[in-house]
């Protein structure tokens, strides 16, 4: 049995779970999410826990067992607490500015980058060099954080650019010239 799939998912107070044939609907204080439910995976609610089992030991059912459980767990966590990714901007003159639903990034290019913030994502600027991306869908939060990071990826030689908070980068040495003949 899958190590991840056999762990039950705790349903906190105030979270409503509706199990349908092809997906699971989770509704909480922060919003509503759906999680896919693949054929051959059986979900039961027991004492405020969702328990996932599979109908057979076929390779397809085994591979989907842990995935279904993890996607349902992420949906429950998203509607109860939400997800956050933090990005830091490193570089002289690199900074960010908020204007209603637009994020303006000055990253050393000739013009600033204007980023339209999607409706399901919240962006908070704690400092002009610290961006927090928040939302209820883990996949969307990570996708939007990656999109912002891709405007100026960290340079391996000077370590300037946008990076995740806590991301470890290895600095490369400069290229050596040809020595002697």
N, C-alpha and C. Protein backbone atom coordinates (compact mmCIF):
# COMPACT_ATOMS: atom_id res chain seq x y z
N UNK A 1 0.84 -1.18 0.00
CA UNK A 1 0.00 0.00 0.00
C UNK A 1 0.88 1.25 0.00
N UNK A 2 0.43 2.29 -0.63
CA UNK A 2 1.18 3.53 -0.74
C UNK A 2 1.36 4.18 0.63
N UNK A 3 2.58 4.62 0.91
CA UNK A 3 2.83 5.26 2.20
C UNK A 3 2.06 6.57 2.33
N UNK A 4 1.99 7.32 1.24
CA UNK A 4 1.27 8.58 1.26
C UNK A 4 -0.23 8.32 1.22
N UNK A 5 -0.66 7.40 0.36
CA UNK A 5 -2.08 7.14 0.16
C UNK A 5 -2.80 6.60 1.37
N UNK A 6 -2.11 5.86 2.22
CA UNK A 6 -2.80 5.26 3.37
C UNK A 6 -2.96 6.23 4.55
N UNK A 7 -2.30 7.39 4.50
CA UNK A 7 -2.47 8.37 5.58
C UNK A 7 -3.81 9.07 5.44
N UNK A 8 -4.60 9.17 6.50
CA UNK A 8 -5.89 9.86 6.40
C UNK A 8 -5.70 11.38 6.33
N UNK A 9 -6.67 12.06 5.71
CA UNK A 9 -6.65 13.51 5.60
C UNK A 9 -7.59 14.08 6.65
N UNK A 10 -7.06 14.89 7.57
CA UNK A 10 -7.87 15.51 8.62
C UNK A 10 -8.72 16.62 8.03
N UNK A 11 -9.99 16.63 8.36
CA UNK A 11 -10.91 17.68 7.92
C UNK A 11 -11.15 18.61 9.10
N UNK A 12 -10.60 19.84 9.10
CA UNK A 12 -10.78 20.76 10.23
C UNK A 12 -12.23 21.23 10.37
N UNK A 13 -12.51 21.85 11.50
CA UNK A 13 -13.84 22.40 11.77
C UNK A 13 -14.17 23.47 10.72
N UNK A 14 -15.42 23.50 10.26
CA UNK A 14 -15.86 24.51 9.32
C UNK A 14 -15.58 24.19 7.86
N UNK A 15 -15.02 23.03 7.57
CA UNK A 15 -14.73 22.63 6.20
C UNK A 15 -15.78 21.60 5.77
N UNK A 16 -16.41 21.85 4.63
CA UNK A 16 -17.41 20.93 4.09
C UNK A 16 -16.79 20.15 2.93
N UNK A 17 -16.95 18.83 2.96
CA UNK A 17 -16.41 17.96 1.91
C UNK A 17 -17.57 17.21 1.27
N UNK A 18 -17.63 17.28 -0.06
CA UNK A 18 -18.66 16.58 -0.82
C UNK A 18 -17.96 15.65 -1.80
N UNK A 19 -18.18 14.34 -1.67
CA UNK A 19 -17.53 13.35 -2.52
C UNK A 19 -18.47 12.96 -3.65
N UNK A 20 -18.02 13.20 -4.89
CA UNK A 20 -18.80 12.84 -6.07
C UNK A 20 -18.06 11.72 -6.80
N UNK A 21 -18.59 11.27 -7.92
CA UNK A 21 -17.99 10.12 -8.61
C UNK A 21 -16.63 10.43 -9.21
N UNK A 22 -16.44 11.64 -9.75
CA UNK A 22 -15.18 11.94 -10.44
C UNK A 22 -14.35 13.03 -9.77
N UNK A 23 -14.86 13.66 -8.71
CA UNK A 23 -14.08 14.67 -8.00
C UNK A 23 -14.60 14.88 -6.58
N UNK A 24 -13.79 15.59 -5.80
CA UNK A 24 -14.14 15.92 -4.42
C UNK A 24 -14.25 17.43 -4.34
N UNK A 25 -15.36 17.94 -3.79
CA UNK A 25 -15.54 19.38 -3.61
C UNK A 25 -15.25 19.72 -2.15
N UNK A 26 -14.40 20.71 -1.94
CA UNK A 26 -14.03 21.14 -0.60
C UNK A 26 -14.37 22.62 -0.48
N UNK A 27 -15.14 22.98 0.55
CA UNK A 27 -15.54 24.36 0.75
C UNK A 27 -15.20 24.79 2.17
N UNK A 28 -14.58 25.98 2.28
CA UNK A 28 -14.18 26.48 3.59
C UNK A 28 -14.31 27.98 3.67
N UNK A 29 -13.65 28.57 4.66
CA UNK A 29 -13.72 30.00 4.89
C UNK A 29 -13.12 30.81 3.75
N UNK A 30 -12.05 30.31 3.15
CA UNK A 30 -11.34 31.07 2.12
C UNK A 30 -11.88 30.87 0.72
N UNK A 31 -12.70 29.85 0.49
CA UNK A 31 -13.24 29.62 -0.84
C UNK A 31 -13.62 28.18 -1.08
N UNK A 32 -13.71 27.83 -2.37
CA UNK A 32 -14.14 26.50 -2.76
C UNK A 32 -13.15 25.94 -3.79
N UNK A 33 -12.74 24.67 -3.61
CA UNK A 33 -11.83 24.00 -4.53
C UNK A 33 -12.36 22.62 -4.87
N UNK A 34 -11.94 22.11 -6.02
CA UNK A 34 -12.26 20.74 -6.38
C UNK A 34 -10.97 19.96 -6.56
N UNK A 35 -11.02 18.70 -6.22
CA UNK A 35 -9.87 17.80 -6.35
C UNK A 35 -10.32 16.61 -7.18
N UNK A 36 -9.54 16.20 -8.20
CA UNK A 36 -9.98 15.08 -9.03
C UNK A 36 -9.94 13.76 -8.26
N UNK A 37 -10.84 12.87 -8.64
CA UNK A 37 -10.91 11.54 -8.05
C UNK A 37 -10.87 10.53 -9.19
N UNK A 38 -9.79 9.79 -9.28
CA UNK A 38 -9.58 8.87 -10.38
C UNK A 38 -10.35 7.57 -10.15
N UNK A 39 -10.69 6.88 -11.25
CA UNK A 39 -11.43 5.64 -11.11
C UNK A 39 -10.56 4.59 -10.42
N UNK A 40 -11.16 3.78 -9.57
CA UNK A 40 -10.43 2.77 -8.82
C UNK A 40 -9.99 3.24 -7.45
N UNK A 41 -10.15 4.53 -7.14
CA UNK A 41 -9.79 5.08 -5.83
C UNK A 41 -11.10 5.33 -5.08
N UNK A 42 -11.19 4.81 -3.86
CA UNK A 42 -12.41 4.89 -3.05
C UNK A 42 -12.13 5.81 -1.86
N UNK A 43 -13.05 6.76 -1.62
CA UNK A 43 -12.90 7.72 -0.52
C UNK A 43 -14.06 7.53 0.45
N UNK A 44 -13.73 7.48 1.73
CA UNK A 44 -14.74 7.39 2.78
C UNK A 44 -14.40 8.40 3.86
N UNK A 45 -15.44 8.96 4.48
CA UNK A 45 -15.24 9.90 5.58
C UNK A 45 -15.53 9.18 6.89
N UNK A 46 -14.52 9.15 7.78
CA UNK A 46 -14.65 8.50 9.07
C UNK A 46 -14.09 9.41 10.16
N UNK A 47 -14.91 9.86 11.08
CA UNK A 47 -14.49 10.68 12.23
C UNK A 47 -13.66 11.89 11.80
N UNK A 48 -14.20 12.74 10.95
CA UNK A 48 -13.51 13.93 10.45
C UNK A 48 -12.19 13.62 9.76
N UNK A 49 -12.09 12.47 9.14
CA UNK A 49 -10.91 12.09 8.35
C UNK A 49 -11.39 11.52 7.01
N UNK A 50 -10.69 11.86 5.93
CA UNK A 50 -10.93 11.22 4.64
C UNK A 50 -9.93 10.08 4.51
N UNK A 51 -10.43 8.89 4.23
CA UNK A 51 -9.58 7.72 4.08
C UNK A 51 -9.64 7.27 2.62
N UNK A 52 -8.46 7.10 2.02
CA UNK A 52 -8.37 6.71 0.61
C UNK A 52 -7.92 5.26 0.52
N UNK A 53 -8.65 4.47 -0.27
CA UNK A 53 -8.26 3.09 -0.55
C UNK A 53 -8.36 2.88 -2.06
N UNK A 54 -7.70 1.81 -2.53
CA UNK A 54 -7.77 1.52 -3.96
C UNK A 54 -8.44 0.16 -4.17
N UNK A 55 -9.06 -0.01 -5.34
CA UNK A 55 -9.84 -1.22 -5.60
C UNK A 55 -8.96 -2.41 -5.97
N UNK A 56 -7.78 -2.15 -6.52
CA UNK A 56 -6.90 -3.26 -6.89
C UNK A 56 -5.44 -2.83 -6.76
N UNK A 57 -4.53 -3.76 -6.96
CA UNK A 57 -3.10 -3.46 -6.89
C UNK A 57 -2.48 -3.27 -8.27
N UNK A 58 -3.28 -2.89 -9.25
CA UNK A 58 -2.73 -2.65 -10.59
C UNK A 58 -1.80 -1.43 -10.54
N UNK A 59 -0.80 -1.38 -11.42
CA UNK A 59 0.15 -0.26 -11.40
C UNK A 59 -0.52 1.11 -11.53
N UNK A 60 -1.57 1.20 -12.33
CA UNK A 60 -2.26 2.47 -12.50
C UNK A 60 -2.94 2.90 -11.20
N UNK A 61 -3.63 1.99 -10.53
CA UNK A 61 -4.30 2.32 -9.27
C UNK A 61 -3.28 2.66 -8.19
N UNK A 62 -2.17 1.95 -8.17
CA UNK A 62 -1.13 2.23 -7.18
C UNK A 62 -0.53 3.61 -7.38
N UNK A 63 -0.34 4.00 -8.64
CA UNK A 63 0.26 5.32 -8.90
C UNK A 63 -0.70 6.46 -8.59
N UNK A 64 -2.00 6.23 -8.74
CA UNK A 64 -2.98 7.28 -8.49
C UNK A 64 -3.41 7.39 -7.02
N UNK A 65 -3.11 6.38 -6.22
CA UNK A 65 -3.55 6.34 -4.83
C UNK A 65 -2.97 7.52 -4.03
N UNK A 66 -1.66 7.65 -4.03
CA UNK A 66 -1.03 8.74 -3.29
C UNK A 66 -1.32 10.10 -3.89
N UNK A 67 -1.44 10.16 -5.23
CA UNK A 67 -1.73 11.43 -5.90
C UNK A 67 -3.10 11.96 -5.49
N UNK A 68 -4.12 11.11 -5.50
CA UNK A 68 -5.47 11.54 -5.10
C UNK A 68 -5.49 12.07 -3.67
N UNK A 69 -4.81 11.34 -2.78
CA UNK A 69 -4.77 11.75 -1.38
C UNK A 69 -4.08 13.10 -1.22
N UNK A 70 -2.96 13.30 -1.91
CA UNK A 70 -2.21 14.55 -1.80
C UNK A 70 -2.99 15.73 -2.38
N UNK A 71 -3.66 15.54 -3.52
CA UNK A 71 -4.45 16.62 -4.10
C UNK A 71 -5.63 17.00 -3.20
N UNK A 72 -6.26 16.02 -2.57
CA UNK A 72 -7.36 16.31 -1.63
C UNK A 72 -6.83 17.02 -0.39
N UNK A 73 -5.68 16.60 0.11
CA UNK A 73 -5.07 17.25 1.27
C UNK A 73 -4.73 18.71 0.96
N UNK A 74 -4.18 18.96 -0.24
CA UNK A 74 -3.85 20.34 -0.63
C UNK A 74 -5.11 21.19 -0.75
N UNK A 75 -6.21 20.61 -1.22
CA UNK A 75 -7.47 21.36 -1.31
C UNK A 75 -7.99 21.71 0.09
N UNK A 76 -7.93 20.76 1.02
CA UNK A 76 -8.39 21.02 2.38
C UNK A 76 -7.51 22.09 3.05
N UNK A 77 -6.20 21.98 2.88
CA UNK A 77 -5.29 22.97 3.47
C UNK A 77 -5.48 24.35 2.83
N UNK A 78 -5.76 24.38 1.53
CA UNK A 78 -5.94 25.66 0.83
C UNK A 78 -7.15 26.43 1.30
N UNK A 79 -8.30 25.74 1.48
CA UNK A 79 -9.51 26.46 1.89
C UNK A 79 -9.50 26.77 3.38
N UNK A 80 -8.64 26.11 4.16
CA UNK A 80 -8.59 26.42 5.59
C UNK A 80 -7.49 27.42 5.93
N UNK A 81 -6.27 27.23 5.42
CA UNK A 81 -5.16 28.11 5.77
C UNK A 81 -4.61 28.89 4.58
N UNK A 82 -4.63 28.32 3.38
CA UNK A 82 -4.07 28.99 2.21
C UNK A 82 -2.59 28.67 2.06
N UNK A 83 -2.02 29.07 0.94
CA UNK A 83 -0.61 28.83 0.64
C UNK A 83 0.09 30.14 0.33
N UNK A 84 1.40 30.18 0.61
CA UNK A 84 2.19 31.38 0.40
C UNK A 84 3.55 31.01 -0.17
N UNK A 85 4.02 31.79 -1.12
CA UNK A 85 5.39 31.69 -1.64
C UNK A 85 6.00 33.08 -1.51
N UNK A 86 7.23 33.14 -1.01
CA UNK A 86 7.91 34.41 -0.84
C UNK A 86 9.06 34.52 -1.83
N UNK A 87 9.18 35.69 -2.46
CA UNK A 87 10.24 35.97 -3.42
C UNK A 87 11.01 37.19 -2.95
N UNK A 88 12.32 37.16 -3.15
CA UNK A 88 13.12 38.34 -2.81
C UNK A 88 13.84 38.82 -4.06
N UNK A 89 13.95 40.14 -4.17
CA UNK A 89 14.62 40.76 -5.30
C UNK A 89 15.99 41.22 -4.83
N UNK A 90 17.05 40.77 -5.54
CA UNK A 90 18.42 41.10 -5.16
C UNK A 90 19.07 41.81 -6.34
N UNK A 91 19.63 42.99 -6.09
CA UNK A 91 20.33 43.73 -7.12
C UNK A 91 20.21 45.23 -6.88
N UNK A 92 21.22 45.96 -7.27
CA UNK A 92 21.22 47.41 -7.08
C UNK A 92 20.18 48.03 -8.01
N UNK A 93 19.21 48.76 -7.44
CA UNK A 93 18.17 49.41 -8.22
C UNK A 93 17.00 48.51 -8.58
N UNK A 94 17.06 47.23 -8.21
CA UNK A 94 15.94 46.31 -8.49
C UNK A 94 14.90 46.49 -7.39
N UNK A 95 13.64 46.71 -7.78
CA UNK A 95 12.58 46.89 -6.79
C UNK A 95 11.22 46.63 -7.42
N UNK A 96 10.20 46.54 -6.57
CA UNK A 96 8.83 46.31 -7.01
C UNK A 96 7.92 47.38 -6.43
N UNK A 97 6.82 47.63 -7.12
CA UNK A 97 5.84 48.62 -6.70
C UNK A 97 4.45 48.07 -7.02
N UNK A 98 3.48 48.31 -6.14
CA UNK A 98 2.10 47.86 -6.37
C UNK A 98 1.24 49.04 -6.79
N UNK A 99 0.32 48.78 -7.73
CA UNK A 99 -0.65 49.79 -8.15
C UNK A 99 -1.95 49.07 -8.46
N UNK A 100 -2.89 49.06 -7.51
CA UNK A 100 -4.17 48.35 -7.60
C UNK A 100 -3.95 46.88 -7.91
N UNK A 101 -4.27 46.41 -9.11
CA UNK A 101 -4.09 44.99 -9.43
C UNK A 101 -2.92 44.78 -10.40
N UNK A 102 -1.92 45.66 -10.30
CA UNK A 102 -0.73 45.55 -11.15
C UNK A 102 0.52 45.60 -10.29
N UNK A 103 1.49 44.79 -10.65
CA UNK A 103 2.78 44.77 -9.99
C UNK A 103 3.80 45.32 -10.98
N UNK A 104 4.50 46.38 -10.59
CA UNK A 104 5.50 47.00 -11.46
C UNK A 104 6.88 46.60 -10.95
N UNK A 105 7.65 45.94 -11.80
CA UNK A 105 8.98 45.45 -11.43
C UNK A 105 10.05 46.21 -12.20
N UNK A 106 10.97 46.85 -11.48
CA UNK A 106 12.14 47.49 -12.10
C UNK A 106 13.32 46.56 -11.89
N UNK A 107 13.75 45.90 -12.98
CA UNK A 107 14.75 44.84 -12.87
C UNK A 107 15.97 45.06 -13.75
N UNK A 108 16.28 46.33 -14.05
CA UNK A 108 17.48 46.61 -14.82
C UNK A 108 17.27 46.64 -16.32
N UNK A 109 16.06 46.43 -16.78
CA UNK A 109 15.75 46.55 -18.20
C UNK A 109 15.46 48.01 -18.53
N UNK A 110 15.32 48.34 -19.81
CA UNK A 110 15.10 49.72 -20.20
C UNK A 110 13.73 50.24 -19.75
N UNK A 111 12.75 49.34 -19.63
CA UNK A 111 11.41 49.71 -19.16
C UNK A 111 10.99 48.79 -18.03
N UNK A 112 10.18 49.27 -17.11
CA UNK A 112 9.70 48.38 -16.04
C UNK A 112 8.73 47.35 -16.59
N UNK A 113 8.66 46.21 -15.91
CA UNK A 113 7.75 45.13 -16.30
C UNK A 113 6.45 45.31 -15.52
N UNK A 114 5.33 45.37 -16.24
CA UNK A 114 4.01 45.49 -15.62
C UNK A 114 3.38 44.10 -15.63
N UNK A 115 3.06 43.59 -14.44
CA UNK A 115 2.49 42.25 -14.30
C UNK A 115 1.06 42.38 -13.78
N UNK A 116 0.11 41.88 -14.57
CA UNK A 116 -1.31 41.87 -14.17
C UNK A 116 -1.53 40.75 -13.16
N UNK A 117 -2.05 41.08 -11.99
CA UNK A 117 -2.28 40.08 -10.94
C UNK A 117 -3.61 39.38 -11.21
N UNK A 118 -3.62 38.03 -11.30
CA UNK A 118 -4.88 37.30 -11.51
C UNK A 118 -5.82 37.48 -10.31
N UNK A 119 -7.12 37.28 -10.55
CA UNK A 119 -8.12 37.50 -9.50
C UNK A 119 -8.03 36.50 -8.36
N UNK A 120 -7.59 35.26 -8.64
CA UNK A 120 -7.54 34.24 -7.59
C UNK A 120 -6.24 34.27 -6.80
N UNK A 121 -5.35 35.21 -7.10
CA UNK A 121 -4.06 35.32 -6.43
C UNK A 121 -3.96 36.69 -5.76
N UNK A 122 -3.36 36.70 -4.57
CA UNK A 122 -3.13 37.95 -3.84
C UNK A 122 -1.62 38.15 -3.72
N UNK A 123 -1.15 39.35 -4.05
CA UNK A 123 0.27 39.66 -3.94
C UNK A 123 0.44 40.78 -2.92
N UNK A 124 1.35 40.57 -1.97
CA UNK A 124 1.62 41.53 -0.91
C UNK A 124 3.09 41.93 -0.98
N UNK A 125 3.34 43.24 -0.96
CA UNK A 125 4.72 43.74 -0.91
C UNK A 125 5.02 44.13 0.53
N UNK A 126 5.91 43.40 1.18
CA UNK A 126 6.30 43.75 2.54
C UNK A 126 7.37 44.83 2.54
N UNK A 127 8.29 44.72 1.60
CA UNK A 127 9.30 45.75 1.34
C UNK A 127 9.34 45.90 -0.18
N UNK A 128 10.10 46.83 -0.67
CA UNK A 128 10.19 46.97 -2.12
C UNK A 128 10.98 45.83 -2.74
N UNK A 129 11.61 44.99 -1.91
CA UNK A 129 12.38 43.87 -2.43
C UNK A 129 11.86 42.52 -1.94
N UNK A 130 10.69 42.47 -1.30
CA UNK A 130 10.12 41.22 -0.79
C UNK A 130 8.67 41.09 -1.24
N UNK A 131 8.40 40.06 -2.04
CA UNK A 131 7.07 39.83 -2.60
C UNK A 131 6.51 38.54 -2.02
N UNK A 132 5.25 38.58 -1.56
CA UNK A 132 4.57 37.37 -1.09
C UNK A 132 3.39 37.10 -2.01
N UNK A 133 3.35 35.89 -2.56
CA UNK A 133 2.26 35.44 -3.43
C UNK A 133 1.38 34.52 -2.60
N UNK A 134 0.09 34.85 -2.47
CA UNK A 134 -0.83 34.08 -1.62
C UNK A 134 -2.04 33.63 -2.43
N UNK A 135 -2.62 32.49 -2.01
CA UNK A 135 -3.81 31.98 -2.65
C UNK A 135 -4.26 30.68 -2.00
N UNK A 136 -5.40 30.14 -2.49
CA UNK A 136 -5.91 28.91 -1.91
C UNK A 136 -5.49 27.68 -2.70
N UNK A 137 -5.13 27.85 -3.96
CA UNK A 137 -4.73 26.73 -4.81
C UNK A 137 -3.21 26.66 -4.86
N UNK A 138 -2.64 25.59 -4.33
CA UNK A 138 -1.18 25.43 -4.23
C UNK A 138 -0.51 25.50 -5.60
N UNK A 139 -1.12 24.85 -6.59
CA UNK A 139 -0.54 24.83 -7.92
C UNK A 139 -0.52 26.22 -8.54
N UNK A 140 -1.60 26.99 -8.38
CA UNK A 140 -1.66 28.35 -8.94
C UNK A 140 -0.68 29.29 -8.25
N UNK A 141 -0.52 29.17 -6.93
CA UNK A 141 0.42 30.02 -6.21
C UNK A 141 1.84 29.77 -6.70
N UNK A 142 2.21 28.50 -6.84
CA UNK A 142 3.53 28.16 -7.34
C UNK A 142 3.75 28.60 -8.77
N UNK A 143 2.72 28.48 -9.59
CA UNK A 143 2.83 28.87 -11.00
C UNK A 143 3.03 30.38 -11.13
N UNK A 144 2.27 31.17 -10.39
CA UNK A 144 2.40 32.63 -10.48
C UNK A 144 3.73 33.10 -9.88
N UNK A 145 4.20 32.46 -8.80
CA UNK A 145 5.50 32.81 -8.23
C UNK A 145 6.61 32.50 -9.24
N UNK A 146 6.50 31.38 -9.93
CA UNK A 146 7.50 31.03 -10.95
C UNK A 146 7.47 32.02 -12.11
N UNK A 147 6.27 32.48 -12.47
CA UNK A 147 6.15 33.44 -13.57
C UNK A 147 6.84 34.76 -13.20
N UNK A 148 6.66 35.21 -11.95
CA UNK A 148 7.31 36.44 -11.50
C UNK A 148 8.82 36.24 -11.45
N UNK A 149 9.28 35.08 -10.98
CA UNK A 149 10.71 34.78 -10.90
C UNK A 149 11.34 34.74 -12.29
N UNK A 150 10.58 34.31 -13.29
CA UNK A 150 11.15 34.17 -14.64
C UNK A 150 11.42 35.51 -15.32
N UNK A 151 10.91 36.63 -14.77
CA UNK A 151 11.21 37.94 -15.37
C UNK A 151 12.69 38.28 -15.25
N UNK A 152 13.35 37.81 -14.18
CA UNK A 152 14.80 38.00 -14.02
C UNK A 152 15.31 36.90 -13.12
N UNK A 153 15.67 35.76 -13.72
CA UNK A 153 16.19 34.63 -12.95
C UNK A 153 17.52 35.02 -12.32
N UNK A 154 17.88 34.39 -11.19
CA UNK A 154 19.14 34.73 -10.54
C UNK A 154 20.34 34.43 -11.45
N UNK A 155 21.23 35.39 -11.55
CA UNK A 155 22.44 35.25 -12.35
C UNK A 155 23.45 34.44 -11.55
N UNK A 156 24.04 33.37 -12.12
CA UNK A 156 24.97 32.54 -11.34
C UNK A 156 26.31 33.21 -11.07
N UNK A 157 26.62 34.31 -11.76
CA UNK A 157 27.91 34.98 -11.56
C UNK A 157 27.82 36.11 -10.55
N UNK A 158 26.75 36.91 -10.60
CA UNK A 158 26.61 38.04 -9.66
C UNK A 158 25.51 37.81 -8.62
N UNK A 159 24.71 36.74 -8.80
CA UNK A 159 23.61 36.38 -7.89
C UNK A 159 22.52 37.45 -7.82
N UNK A 160 22.38 38.26 -8.88
CA UNK A 160 21.32 39.27 -8.95
C UNK A 160 20.10 38.66 -9.62
N UNK A 161 18.92 39.14 -9.24
CA UNK A 161 17.68 38.68 -9.86
C UNK A 161 16.61 38.41 -8.81
N UNK A 162 15.57 37.69 -9.21
CA UNK A 162 14.47 37.33 -8.30
C UNK A 162 14.64 35.87 -7.92
N UNK A 163 14.61 35.60 -6.62
CA UNK A 163 14.74 34.22 -6.14
C UNK A 163 13.75 33.97 -5.01
N UNK A 164 13.49 32.69 -4.75
CA UNK A 164 12.64 32.32 -3.62
C UNK A 164 13.39 32.60 -2.32
N UNK A 165 12.67 32.97 -1.28
CA UNK A 165 13.30 33.19 0.02
C UNK A 165 13.81 31.84 0.52
N UNK A 166 15.08 31.80 0.88
CA UNK A 166 15.69 30.57 1.35
C UNK A 166 16.32 29.74 0.26
N UNK A 167 16.21 30.17 -1.00
CA UNK A 167 16.81 29.43 -2.11
C UNK A 167 18.33 29.58 -2.05
N UNK A 168 19.03 28.48 -2.12
CA UNK A 168 20.49 28.50 -2.05
C UNK A 168 21.06 28.49 -3.46
N UNK A 169 21.90 29.47 -3.75
CA UNK A 169 22.53 29.56 -5.06
C UNK A 169 24.03 29.41 -4.90
N UNK A 170 24.66 28.73 -5.86
CA UNK A 170 26.10 28.60 -5.85
C UNK A 170 26.67 29.60 -6.84
N UNK A 171 27.58 30.41 -6.35
CA UNK A 171 28.19 31.42 -7.20
C UNK A 171 29.27 30.78 -8.06
N UNK A 172 29.24 31.06 -9.35
CA UNK A 172 30.25 30.54 -10.26
C UNK A 172 31.44 31.49 -10.30
N UNK A 173 32.60 30.92 -10.55
CA UNK A 173 33.79 31.74 -10.73
C UNK A 173 33.76 32.33 -12.13
N UNK A 174 34.47 33.45 -12.28
CA UNK A 174 34.51 34.04 -13.61
C UNK A 174 35.32 33.16 -14.54
N UNK A 175 35.12 33.35 -15.82
CA UNK A 175 35.83 32.53 -16.79
C UNK A 175 37.29 32.97 -16.85
N UNK A 176 38.18 32.00 -16.76
CA UNK A 176 39.62 32.31 -16.79
C UNK A 176 40.08 32.42 -18.24
N UNK A 177 41.03 33.31 -18.46
CA UNK A 177 41.58 33.48 -19.80
C UNK A 177 42.60 32.40 -20.12
N UNK A 178 43.03 32.36 -21.37
CA UNK A 178 44.03 31.39 -21.80
C UNK A 178 45.39 31.82 -21.24
N UNK A 179 46.07 30.87 -20.59
CA UNK A 179 47.33 31.20 -19.92
C UNK A 179 48.49 30.59 -20.69
N UNK A 180 49.48 31.43 -21.04
CA UNK A 180 50.77 31.00 -21.63
C UNK A 180 50.71 30.10 -22.83
N UNK A 181 51.80 30.05 -23.51
CA UNK A 181 51.96 29.14 -24.65
C UNK A 181 53.21 28.33 -24.46
